[in-house]
Amino acid sequence: MVGRSEYIEEAYRELERMSADERARLEYEARQKAIRDHEAIMSSAWNRGLQEGREQGVAQGRLSIVRRMLEGGASPEEIMRLAGVTEEEVEKARNL
């Protein structure tokens, strides 16, 4: 019976070691997933910010052109035709 007890203890120790390795692997995989998720979120936010910045820059550029055309004496109709802007954009530029 003493011999069996040693085998059982050895098997139990091996099971604990394997379980610990499994837990460590699962923890590692969870950490890696969290890192990948964070990187994906940050990348998406960065790209969204770049796109919004570009759109704002284009809008500001158009507004600047419209303002200069108004200052140069162009009519709203001519500005809309040449600059491809809406009447609302011309009015916005006029009110600045």
Protein backbone atom coordinates (compact mmCIF):
# COMPACT_ATOMS: atom_id res chain seq x y z
CA MET A 1 0.00 0.00 0.00
CA VAL A 2 2.88 2.34 0.70
CA GLY A 3 4.04 1.99 -2.94
CA ARG A 4 0.61 2.88 -4.27
CA SER A 5 0.52 5.95 -2.13
CA GLU A 6 3.81 7.14 -3.65
CA TYR A 7 2.47 6.61 -7.16
CA ILE A 8 -0.70 8.47 -6.33
CA GLU A 9 1.29 11.33 -4.82
CA GLU A 10 3.54 11.46 -7.85
CA ALA A 11 0.55 11.42 -10.18
CA TYR A 12 -1.08 14.17 -8.11
CA ARG A 13 2.07 16.31 -8.29
CA GLU A 14 2.22 15.80 -12.05
CA LEU A 15 -1.45 16.77 -12.34
CA GLU A 16 -0.79 19.92 -10.32
CA ARG A 17 2.18 20.79 -12.53
CA MET A 18 0.15 20.26 -15.68
CA SER A 19 -2.73 22.27 -14.26
CA ALA A 20 -0.41 25.09 -13.31
CA ASP A 21 1.04 25.10 -16.82
CA GLU A 22 -2.48 25.15 -18.28
CA ARG A 23 -3.43 28.07 -16.05
CA ALA A 24 -0.26 29.89 -17.00
CA ARG A 25 -0.94 29.27 -20.68
CA LEU A 26 -4.52 30.49 -20.35
CA GLU A 27 -3.36 33.59 -18.46
CA TYR A 28 -0.75 34.25 -21.13
CA GLU A 29 -3.31 33.86 -23.91
CA ALA A 30 -5.74 36.16 -22.08
CA ARG A 31 -2.99 38.78 -21.70
CA GLN A 32 -2.08 38.50 -25.37
CA LYS A 33 -5.74 38.86 -26.38
CA ALA A 34 -6.09 41.94 -24.17
CA ILE A 35 -3.00 43.46 -25.78
CA ARG A 36 -4.30 42.72 -29.30
CA ASP A 37 -7.73 44.12 -28.42
CA HIS A 38 -6.16 47.29 -27.00
CA GLU A 39 -3.99 47.72 -30.10
CA ALA A 40 -7.01 47.25 -32.38
CA ILE A 41 -9.05 49.80 -30.43
CA MET A 42 -6.20 52.31 -30.45
CA SER A 43 -5.55 51.79 -34.16
CA SER A 44 -9.23 52.24 -34.96
CA ALA A 45 -9.42 55.41 -32.87
CA TRP A 46 -6.25 56.75 -34.49
CA ASN A 47 -7.59 56.11 -37.99
CA ARG A 48 -10.97 57.63 -37.11
CA GLY A 49 -9.20 60.71 -35.72
CA LEU A 50 -7.10 61.05 -38.86
CA GLN A 51 -10.18 60.80 -41.06
CA GLU A 52 -12.08 63.37 -38.99
CA GLY A 53 -9.06 65.68 -39.07
CA ARG A 54 -8.81 65.38 -42.84
CA GLU A 55 -12.51 66.11 -43.24
CA GLN A 56 -12.25 69.17 -40.99
CA GLY A 57 -9.20 70.36 -42.90
CA VAL A 58 -10.98 70.04 -46.23
CA ALA A 59 -14.03 71.88 -44.86
CA GLN A 60 -11.85 74.68 -43.48
CA GLY A 61 -9.98 74.91 -46.77
CA ARG A 62 -13.22 75.20 -48.72
CA LEU A 63 -14.46 77.85 -46.31
CA SER A 64 -11.24 79.81 -46.72
CA ILE A 65 -11.54 79.72 -50.51
CA VAL A 66 -15.15 80.85 -50.37
CA ARG A 67 -14.23 83.74 -48.04
CA ARG A 68 -11.49 84.88 -50.42
CA MET A 69 -13.86 84.66 -53.38
CA LEU A 70 -16.42 86.76 -51.49
CA GLU A 71 -13.73 89.30 -50.62
CA GLY A 72 -12.77 89.36 -54.29
CA GLY A 73 -16.33 90.32 -55.23
CA ALA A 74 -17.58 87.00 -56.64
CA SER A 75 -21.31 86.45 -56.47
CA PRO A 76 -22.71 83.57 -54.39
CA GLU A 77 -23.91 81.84 -57.57
CA GLU A 78 -20.47 82.08 -59.15
CA ILE A 79 -18.82 80.78 -55.98
CA MET A 80 -21.20 77.82 -55.80
CA ARG A 81 -20.54 77.00 -59.45
CA LEU A 82 -16.76 77.40 -59.37
CA ALA A 83 -15.99 76.08 -55.89
CA GLY A 84 -18.66 73.38 -55.83
CA VAL A 85 -20.04 74.53 -52.49
CA THR A 86 -23.58 74.86 -51.25
CA GLU A 87 -25.48 78.06 -50.56
CA GLU A 88 -25.22 77.27 -46.84
CA GLU A 89 -21.43 77.13 -47.08
CA VAL A 90 -21.37 80.51 -48.84
CA GLU A 91 -23.56 81.99 -46.10
CA LYS A 92 -21.38 80.48 -43.39
CA ALA A 93 -18.27 82.01 -44.98
CA ARG A 94 -20.03 85.36 -45.35
CA ASN A 95 -20.94 85.40 -41.64
CA LEU A 96 -17.39 84.74 -40.43
